Every structure is written in C-alpha cells, then in structure tokens.
Amino acid sequence: MRLSLRIREAAARAGSSTVLLFCDEAQRYNENEYEWLRDVHDALDRQQIKLFTFLVGQQELLAQKSALQIACKTQIVARLMVEELSFHGIRNAEDVAPCLNGYDQTAYPEGTQWSFTRFYVPQAFDGVIDL
C-alpha cells in the first residue's frame, strides 16, 4: 500500500498518469514478490495510473517467466513480463562510439563552448596525450 501511495503521489506531483518502474536484479525475485508487484499494478490501475514495469535481470529471469507460464500465473506474466529485450555490454569500438560522441557533443559546464571530453580530459582532447 505504501508503494502504491508513493507512486500515486509522485505521479500527481509530475502531473502524469503514467509511471515507469525499473526493477533491477529481478531474477532474484520470488513468486510472492511478483504477486506483490502485480497487486501494486492493479491498485494503481484502479486509480487510473498506468504502471509500466521493466524487470531487469540475468538470463535466469527468462526461466522464471517460463516457470510462471507453466504454473498458469498468466496475471503476473501479462502485467510484468510481456516482452523480452536482450541486452549486451559494449563489445567493440562501434558500440562505444555513439556514447562517446554524446560526451563530445554536450556542453559542460552548461552554456559554454566546452564539451564534457574537453572539460574532463583536456590534454587528451587537445591531442597532447594518447588515451
């Protein structure tokens, strides 16, 4: 109830009826915790607040989804585990380039002509040292 109340208050302050909830290490949750999240989802839905829950976790999370489907826990799967998106870390220079480009294109301090890169590693930016 407290989580539902806090989410409702935050949504009201933001002037929104949509909330995104990111749950990290979700592969460690047990069935009771998924039921609890489902109840929070339902309580907010009754108050016209749409909760979008993103479960972030290791590969074991897929096995939990399968186990819940086999156990006919469709209410949990339908609310919390609709779509699967695979994530991988940076594997090569092409993967990291867009991120680093963002640092080069963003002014810091704000309102200056300096980029994050120039501000934090000026010698490397100027080509004086090689990172």
N, C-alpha and C. Protein backbone atom coordinates (compact mmCIF):
# COMPACT_ATOMS: atom_id res chain seq x y z
N MET A 1 0.83 -1.19 0.00
CA MET A 1 0.00 0.00 0.00
C MET A 1 0.87 1.25 0.00
N ARG A 2 1.99 1.19 0.76
CA ARG A 2 2.85 2.37 0.82
C ARG A 2 3.49 2.66 -0.54
N LEU A 3 3.89 1.60 -1.24
CA LEU A 3 4.49 1.82 -2.56
C LEU A 3 3.46 2.42 -3.51
N SER A 4 2.26 1.88 -3.50
CA SER A 4 1.19 2.42 -4.36
C SER A 4 0.95 3.89 -4.05
N LEU A 5 0.91 4.22 -2.77
CA LEU A 5 0.70 5.61 -2.36
C LEU A 5 1.84 6.50 -2.83
N ARG A 6 3.08 6.05 -2.65
CA ARG A 6 4.23 6.86 -3.07
C ARG A 6 4.24 7.06 -4.58
N ILE A 7 3.91 6.02 -5.32
CA ILE A 7 3.86 6.15 -6.77
C ILE A 7 2.76 7.11 -7.17
N ARG A 8 1.60 6.99 -6.55
CA ARG A 8 0.47 7.88 -6.85
C ARG A 8 0.84 9.33 -6.55
N GLU A 9 1.51 9.58 -5.42
CA GLU A 9 1.93 10.93 -5.07
C GLU A 9 2.95 11.48 -6.07
N ALA A 10 3.90 10.65 -6.47
CA ALA A 10 4.90 11.08 -7.44
C ALA A 10 4.25 11.40 -8.78
N ALA A 11 3.30 10.59 -9.19
CA ALA A 11 2.60 10.84 -10.46
C ALA A 11 1.82 12.14 -10.38
N ALA A 12 1.18 12.40 -9.25
CA ALA A 12 0.43 13.64 -9.07
C ALA A 12 1.36 14.85 -9.13
N ARG A 13 2.51 14.76 -8.46
CA ARG A 13 3.47 15.87 -8.49
C ARG A 13 3.96 16.14 -9.91
N ALA A 14 4.13 15.07 -10.67
CA ALA A 14 4.62 15.21 -12.04
C ALA A 14 3.50 15.56 -13.01
N GLY A 15 2.26 15.50 -12.54
CA GLY A 15 1.12 15.79 -13.41
C GLY A 15 0.93 14.74 -14.48
N SER A 16 1.20 13.49 -14.12
CA SER A 16 1.13 12.40 -15.09
C SER A 16 0.32 11.23 -14.53
N SER A 17 -0.23 10.47 -15.42
CA SER A 17 -0.93 9.24 -15.00
C SER A 17 -0.19 8.01 -15.52
N THR A 18 1.06 8.21 -15.93
CA THR A 18 1.90 7.12 -16.41
C THR A 18 3.18 7.08 -15.59
N VAL A 19 3.53 5.88 -15.14
CA VAL A 19 4.72 5.70 -14.30
C VAL A 19 5.55 4.55 -14.86
N LEU A 20 6.87 4.77 -14.92
CA LEU A 20 7.80 3.71 -15.30
C LEU A 20 8.52 3.25 -14.05
N LEU A 21 8.53 1.93 -13.83
CA LEU A 21 9.21 1.36 -12.67
C LEU A 21 10.25 0.36 -13.17
N PHE A 22 11.51 0.62 -12.84
CA PHE A 22 12.59 -0.28 -13.22
C PHE A 22 12.98 -1.11 -12.00
N CYS A 23 12.94 -2.42 -12.15
CA CYS A 23 13.26 -3.36 -11.06
C CYS A 23 14.51 -4.13 -11.44
N ASP A 24 15.62 -3.80 -10.79
CA ASP A 24 16.88 -4.44 -11.11
C ASP A 24 17.03 -5.76 -10.34
N GLU A 25 17.85 -6.64 -10.87
CA GLU A 25 18.11 -7.96 -10.27
C GLU A 25 16.81 -8.76 -10.11
N ALA A 26 15.92 -8.63 -11.08
CA ALA A 26 14.60 -9.26 -10.99
C ALA A 26 14.67 -10.78 -11.00
N GLN A 27 15.78 -11.35 -11.45
CA GLN A 27 15.91 -12.81 -11.42
C GLN A 27 15.95 -13.32 -9.98
N ARG A 28 16.19 -12.43 -9.03
CA ARG A 28 16.26 -12.84 -7.62
C ARG A 28 14.90 -12.80 -6.94
N TYR A 29 13.87 -12.26 -7.62
CA TYR A 29 12.54 -12.18 -7.02
C TYR A 29 11.91 -13.56 -6.95
N ASN A 30 11.10 -13.75 -5.93
CA ASN A 30 10.35 -15.00 -5.84
C ASN A 30 8.91 -14.74 -6.27
N GLU A 31 8.12 -15.78 -6.30
CA GLU A 31 6.74 -15.65 -6.78
C GLU A 31 5.94 -14.65 -5.95
N ASN A 32 6.16 -14.63 -4.64
CA ASN A 32 5.43 -13.67 -3.79
C ASN A 32 5.75 -12.23 -4.17
N GLU A 33 6.99 -11.97 -4.52
CA GLU A 33 7.37 -10.61 -4.90
C GLU A 33 6.74 -10.22 -6.24
N TYR A 34 6.64 -11.16 -7.16
CA TYR A 34 5.95 -10.88 -8.42
C TYR A 34 4.46 -10.65 -8.17
N GLU A 35 3.87 -11.43 -7.27
CA GLU A 35 2.46 -11.23 -6.91
C GLU A 35 2.27 -9.84 -6.32
N TRP A 36 3.21 -9.43 -5.48
CA TRP A 36 3.15 -8.12 -4.85
C TRP A 36 3.21 -7.01 -5.91
N LEU A 37 4.12 -7.14 -6.87
CA LEU A 37 4.20 -6.16 -7.95
C LEU A 37 2.92 -6.15 -8.78
N ARG A 38 2.35 -7.31 -8.99
CA ARG A 38 1.08 -7.39 -9.72
C ARG A 38 -0.01 -6.66 -8.97
N ASP A 39 -0.04 -6.83 -7.64
CA ASP A 39 -1.04 -6.13 -6.82
C ASP A 39 -0.86 -4.62 -6.89
N VAL A 40 0.39 -4.16 -6.87
CA VAL A 40 0.66 -2.72 -7.00
C VAL A 40 0.15 -2.23 -8.35
N HIS A 41 0.43 -2.98 -9.38
CA HIS A 41 -0.04 -2.65 -10.72
C HIS A 41 -1.56 -2.52 -10.74
N ASP A 42 -2.24 -3.50 -10.15
CA ASP A 42 -3.71 -3.49 -10.13
C ASP A 42 -4.26 -2.31 -9.33
N ALA A 43 -3.66 -2.03 -8.17
CA ALA A 43 -4.12 -0.93 -7.32
C ALA A 43 -3.99 0.40 -8.05
N LEU A 44 -2.89 0.60 -8.74
CA LEU A 44 -2.69 1.84 -9.48
C LEU A 44 -3.63 1.92 -10.68
N ASP A 45 -3.87 0.79 -11.32
CA ASP A 45 -4.77 0.76 -12.45
C ASP A 45 -6.18 1.19 -12.04
N ARG A 46 -6.61 0.76 -10.86
CA ARG A 46 -7.93 1.16 -10.35
C ARG A 46 -8.01 2.67 -10.11
N GLN A 47 -6.86 3.30 -9.95
CA GLN A 47 -6.81 4.75 -9.74
C GLN A 47 -6.42 5.49 -11.01
N GLN A 48 -6.58 4.81 -12.15
CA GLN A 48 -6.28 5.36 -13.47
C GLN A 48 -4.81 5.78 -13.63
N ILE A 49 -3.92 5.05 -12.99
CA ILE A 49 -2.49 5.26 -13.17
C ILE A 49 -1.92 4.04 -13.87
N LYS A 50 -1.29 4.28 -15.01
CA LYS A 50 -0.71 3.19 -15.78
C LYS A 50 0.73 2.97 -15.32
N LEU A 51 1.02 1.78 -14.86
CA LEU A 51 2.35 1.42 -14.40
C LEU A 51 3.00 0.50 -15.43
N PHE A 52 4.14 0.93 -15.93
CA PHE A 52 4.92 0.11 -16.84
C PHE A 52 6.15 -0.36 -16.08
N THR A 53 6.24 -1.65 -15.88
CA THR A 53 7.31 -2.23 -15.08
C THR A 53 8.34 -2.88 -15.99
N PHE A 54 9.59 -2.51 -15.78
CA PHE A 54 10.69 -3.08 -16.53
C PHE A 54 11.51 -3.93 -15.58
N LEU A 55 11.46 -5.24 -15.79
CA LEU A 55 12.24 -6.16 -14.98
C LEU A 55 13.60 -6.34 -15.66
N VAL A 56 14.64 -6.00 -14.94
CA VAL A 56 15.99 -6.09 -15.48
C VAL A 56 16.71 -7.18 -14.71
N GLY A 57 17.32 -8.13 -15.43
CA GLY A 57 17.98 -9.21 -14.72
C GLY A 57 18.81 -10.09 -15.63
N GLN A 58 19.33 -11.11 -15.05
CA GLN A 58 20.17 -12.08 -15.75
C GLN A 58 19.30 -13.06 -16.53
N GLN A 59 19.95 -13.98 -17.23
CA GLN A 59 19.25 -14.98 -18.04
C GLN A 59 18.23 -15.79 -17.24
N GLU A 60 18.48 -15.96 -15.94
CA GLU A 60 17.55 -16.74 -15.09
C GLU A 60 16.14 -16.15 -15.10
N LEU A 61 16.04 -14.86 -15.41
CA LEU A 61 14.72 -14.22 -15.47
C LEU A 61 13.84 -14.86 -16.53
N LEU A 62 14.43 -15.29 -17.64
CA LEU A 62 13.67 -15.98 -18.69
C LEU A 62 13.14 -17.32 -18.18
N ALA A 63 13.94 -18.00 -17.38
CA ALA A 63 13.49 -19.27 -16.81
C ALA A 63 12.34 -19.04 -15.84
N GLN A 64 12.39 -17.95 -15.09
CA GLN A 64 11.28 -17.65 -14.18
C GLN A 64 10.01 -17.35 -14.95
N LYS A 65 10.14 -16.64 -16.05
CA LYS A 65 8.97 -16.37 -16.88
C LYS A 65 8.36 -17.68 -17.37
N SER A 66 9.20 -18.58 -17.86
CA SER A 66 8.71 -19.88 -18.33
C SER A 66 8.03 -20.66 -17.21
N ALA A 67 8.63 -20.65 -16.02
CA ALA A 67 8.04 -21.36 -14.89
C ALA A 67 6.69 -20.76 -14.51
N LEU A 68 6.57 -19.46 -14.56
CA LEU A 68 5.28 -18.82 -14.24
C LEU A 68 4.24 -19.15 -15.30
N GLN A 69 4.66 -19.23 -16.55
CA GLN A 69 3.72 -19.61 -17.62
C GLN A 69 3.25 -21.04 -17.43
N ILE A 70 4.18 -21.95 -17.10
CA ILE A 70 3.82 -23.35 -16.87
C ILE A 70 2.87 -23.48 -15.69
N ALA A 71 3.07 -22.63 -14.67
CA ALA A 71 2.23 -22.66 -13.47
C ALA A 71 0.92 -21.89 -13.67
N CYS A 72 0.66 -21.45 -14.90
CA CYS A 72 -0.56 -20.71 -15.25
C CYS A 72 -0.71 -19.41 -14.46
N LYS A 73 0.40 -18.77 -14.17
CA LYS A 73 0.40 -17.47 -13.48
C LYS A 73 0.35 -16.37 -14.54
N THR A 74 -0.68 -16.44 -15.37
CA THR A 74 -0.78 -15.54 -16.51
C THR A 74 -0.95 -14.08 -16.10
N GLN A 75 -1.54 -13.83 -14.94
CA GLN A 75 -1.71 -12.44 -14.49
C GLN A 75 -0.35 -11.77 -14.27
N ILE A 76 0.59 -12.51 -13.73
CA ILE A 76 1.93 -11.96 -13.50
C ILE A 76 2.64 -11.74 -14.83
N VAL A 77 2.62 -12.75 -15.68
CA VAL A 77 3.31 -12.67 -16.97
C VAL A 77 2.70 -11.56 -17.83
N ALA A 78 1.38 -11.46 -17.85
CA ALA A 78 0.71 -10.47 -18.69
C ALA A 78 0.98 -9.04 -18.25
N ARG A 79 1.21 -8.83 -16.97
CA ARG A 79 1.45 -7.47 -16.47
C ARG A 79 2.93 -7.11 -16.40
N LEU A 80 3.77 -8.08 -16.09
CA LEU A 80 5.16 -7.77 -15.79
C LEU A 80 6.18 -8.33 -16.77
N MET A 81 5.78 -9.30 -17.60
CA MET A 81 6.76 -9.98 -18.45
C MET A 81 6.27 -10.13 -19.88
N VAL A 82 5.73 -9.09 -20.42
CA VAL A 82 5.12 -9.15 -21.74
C VAL A 82 6.16 -9.35 -22.84
N GLU A 83 7.19 -8.53 -22.82
CA GLU A 83 8.17 -8.56 -23.90
C GLU A 83 9.57 -8.74 -23.33
N GLU A 84 10.40 -9.42 -24.09
CA GLU A 84 11.78 -9.66 -23.67
C GLU A 84 12.71 -8.87 -24.58
N LEU A 85 13.62 -8.15 -23.97
CA LEU A 85 14.63 -7.42 -24.72
C LEU A 85 15.99 -7.84 -24.20
N SER A 86 16.82 -8.35 -25.08
CA SER A 86 18.15 -8.80 -24.70
C SER A 86 19.10 -7.60 -24.67
N PHE A 87 19.97 -7.59 -23.70
CA PHE A 87 20.95 -6.52 -23.57
C PHE A 87 22.35 -7.13 -23.51
N HIS A 88 23.27 -6.46 -24.11
CA HIS A 88 24.67 -6.86 -24.01
C HIS A 88 25.49 -5.61 -23.78
N GLY A 89 26.62 -5.77 -23.20
CA GLY A 89 27.51 -4.65 -22.94
C GLY A 89 28.26 -4.24 -24.19
N ILE A 90 29.15 -3.32 -24.02
CA ILE A 90 29.96 -2.83 -25.13
C ILE A 90 30.93 -3.92 -25.56
N ARG A 91 30.91 -4.22 -26.85
CA ARG A 91 31.74 -5.30 -27.37
C ARG A 91 32.86 -4.83 -28.30
N ASN A 92 32.71 -3.62 -28.85
CA ASN A 92 33.72 -3.14 -29.79
C ASN A 92 33.64 -1.62 -29.90
N ALA A 93 34.51 -1.04 -30.70
CA ALA A 93 34.57 0.42 -30.85
C ALA A 93 33.28 0.98 -31.43
N GLU A 94 32.64 0.24 -32.31
CA GLU A 94 31.39 0.72 -32.91
C GLU A 94 30.28 0.84 -31.85
N ASP A 95 30.30 -0.04 -30.85
CA ASP A 95 29.30 0.02 -29.78
C ASP A 95 29.49 1.25 -28.88
N VAL A 96 30.73 1.61 -28.64
CA VAL A 96 31.01 2.71 -27.71
C VAL A 96 30.99 4.08 -28.39
N ALA A 97 31.15 4.14 -29.68
CA ALA A 97 31.26 5.40 -30.40
C ALA A 97 30.06 6.34 -30.18
N PRO A 98 28.81 5.87 -30.27
CA PRO A 98 27.68 6.81 -30.05
C PRO A 98 27.68 7.41 -28.64
N CYS A 99 28.04 6.62 -27.66
CA CYS A 99 28.09 7.12 -26.28
C CYS A 99 29.16 8.20 -26.15
N LEU A 100 30.36 7.91 -26.62
CA LEU A 100 31.45 8.88 -26.52
C LEU A 100 31.15 10.13 -27.34
N ASN A 101 30.49 9.97 -28.47
CA ASN A 101 30.11 11.12 -29.28
C ASN A 101 29.17 12.03 -28.50
N GLY A 102 28.30 11.45 -27.68
CA GLY A 102 27.42 12.25 -26.83
C GLY A 102 28.19 13.14 -25.89
N TYR A 103 29.29 12.62 -25.34
CA TYR A 103 30.15 13.43 -24.47
C TYR A 103 30.79 14.58 -25.26
N ASP A 104 31.17 14.30 -26.49
CA ASP A 104 31.80 15.33 -27.31
C ASP A 104 30.81 16.39 -27.78
N GLN A 105 29.53 16.05 -27.85
CA GLN A 105 28.52 16.98 -28.36
C GLN A 105 27.78 17.75 -27.26
N THR A 106 28.02 17.41 -26.00
CA THR A 106 27.30 18.03 -24.89
C THR A 106 28.19 19.06 -24.21
N ALA A 107 27.66 20.28 -24.04
CA ALA A 107 28.42 21.35 -23.41
C ALA A 107 28.50 21.16 -21.90
N TYR A 108 29.72 21.36 -21.37
CA TYR A 108 29.90 21.31 -19.91
C TYR A 108 31.06 22.22 -19.54
N PRO A 109 30.89 23.11 -18.63
CA PRO A 109 29.63 23.47 -17.96
C PRO A 109 28.61 24.00 -18.96
N GLU A 110 27.35 23.82 -18.61
CA GLU A 110 26.27 24.20 -19.50
C GLU A 110 26.41 25.67 -19.90
N GLY A 111 26.17 25.93 -21.17
CA GLY A 111 26.25 27.30 -21.67
C GLY A 111 27.63 27.70 -22.17
N THR A 112 28.62 26.81 -22.05
CA THR A 112 29.97 27.11 -22.54
C THR A 112 30.18 26.42 -23.88
N GLN A 113 31.32 26.68 -24.47
CA GLN A 113 31.69 26.03 -25.72
C GLN A 113 32.45 24.73 -25.49
N TRP A 114 32.68 24.38 -24.23
CA TRP A 114 33.46 23.19 -23.91
C TRP A 114 32.57 21.95 -23.85
N SER A 115 33.10 20.84 -24.34
CA SER A 115 32.38 19.56 -24.24
C SER A 115 32.80 18.88 -22.94
N PHE A 116 32.07 17.83 -22.57
CA PHE A 116 32.47 17.02 -21.41
C PHE A 116 33.90 16.53 -21.58
N THR A 117 34.21 16.03 -22.77
CA THR A 117 35.54 15.48 -23.04
C THR A 117 36.61 16.55 -22.84
N ARG A 118 36.38 17.71 -23.41
CA ARG A 118 37.37 18.79 -23.30
C ARG A 118 37.53 19.22 -21.85
N PHE A 119 36.42 19.27 -21.10
CA PHE A 119 36.47 19.72 -19.71
C PHE A 119 37.20 18.72 -18.81
N TYR A 120 36.87 17.41 -18.96
CA TYR A 120 37.40 16.41 -18.04
C TYR A 120 38.76 15.83 -18.45
N VAL A 121 39.05 15.78 -19.72
CA VAL A 121 40.35 15.26 -20.17
C VAL A 121 40.92 16.21 -21.23
N PRO A 122 41.26 17.43 -20.80
CA PRO A 122 41.68 18.45 -21.78
C PRO A 122 42.93 18.08 -22.55
N GLN A 123 43.90 17.42 -21.93
CA GLN A 123 45.12 17.07 -22.66
C GLN A 123 44.83 16.04 -23.75
N ALA A 124 43.98 15.07 -23.43
CA ALA A 124 43.61 14.08 -24.44
C ALA A 124 42.80 14.73 -25.55
N PHE A 125 41.93 15.66 -25.16
CA PHE A 125 41.12 16.37 -26.15
C PHE A 125 42.01 17.15 -27.12
N ASP A 126 43.04 17.78 -26.57
CA ASP A 126 43.96 18.57 -27.38
C ASP A 126 44.98 17.71 -28.12
N GLY A 127 44.97 16.41 -27.84
CA GLY A 127 45.91 15.50 -28.51
C GLY A 127 47.29 15.50 -27.91
N VAL A 128 47.42 16.04 -26.68
CA VAL A 128 48.73 16.09 -26.03
C VAL A 128 49.10 14.72 -25.49
N ILE A 129 48.12 13.97 -25.00
CA ILE A 129 48.38 12.60 -24.53
C ILE A 129 47.50 11.65 -25.31
N ASP A 130 47.87 10.42 -25.30
CA ASP A 130 47.12 9.39 -26.00
C ASP A 130 46.47 8.48 -24.99
N LEU A 131 45.13 8.43 -24.98
CA LEU A 131 44.42 7.52 -24.08
C LEU A 131 44.34 6.18 -24.75
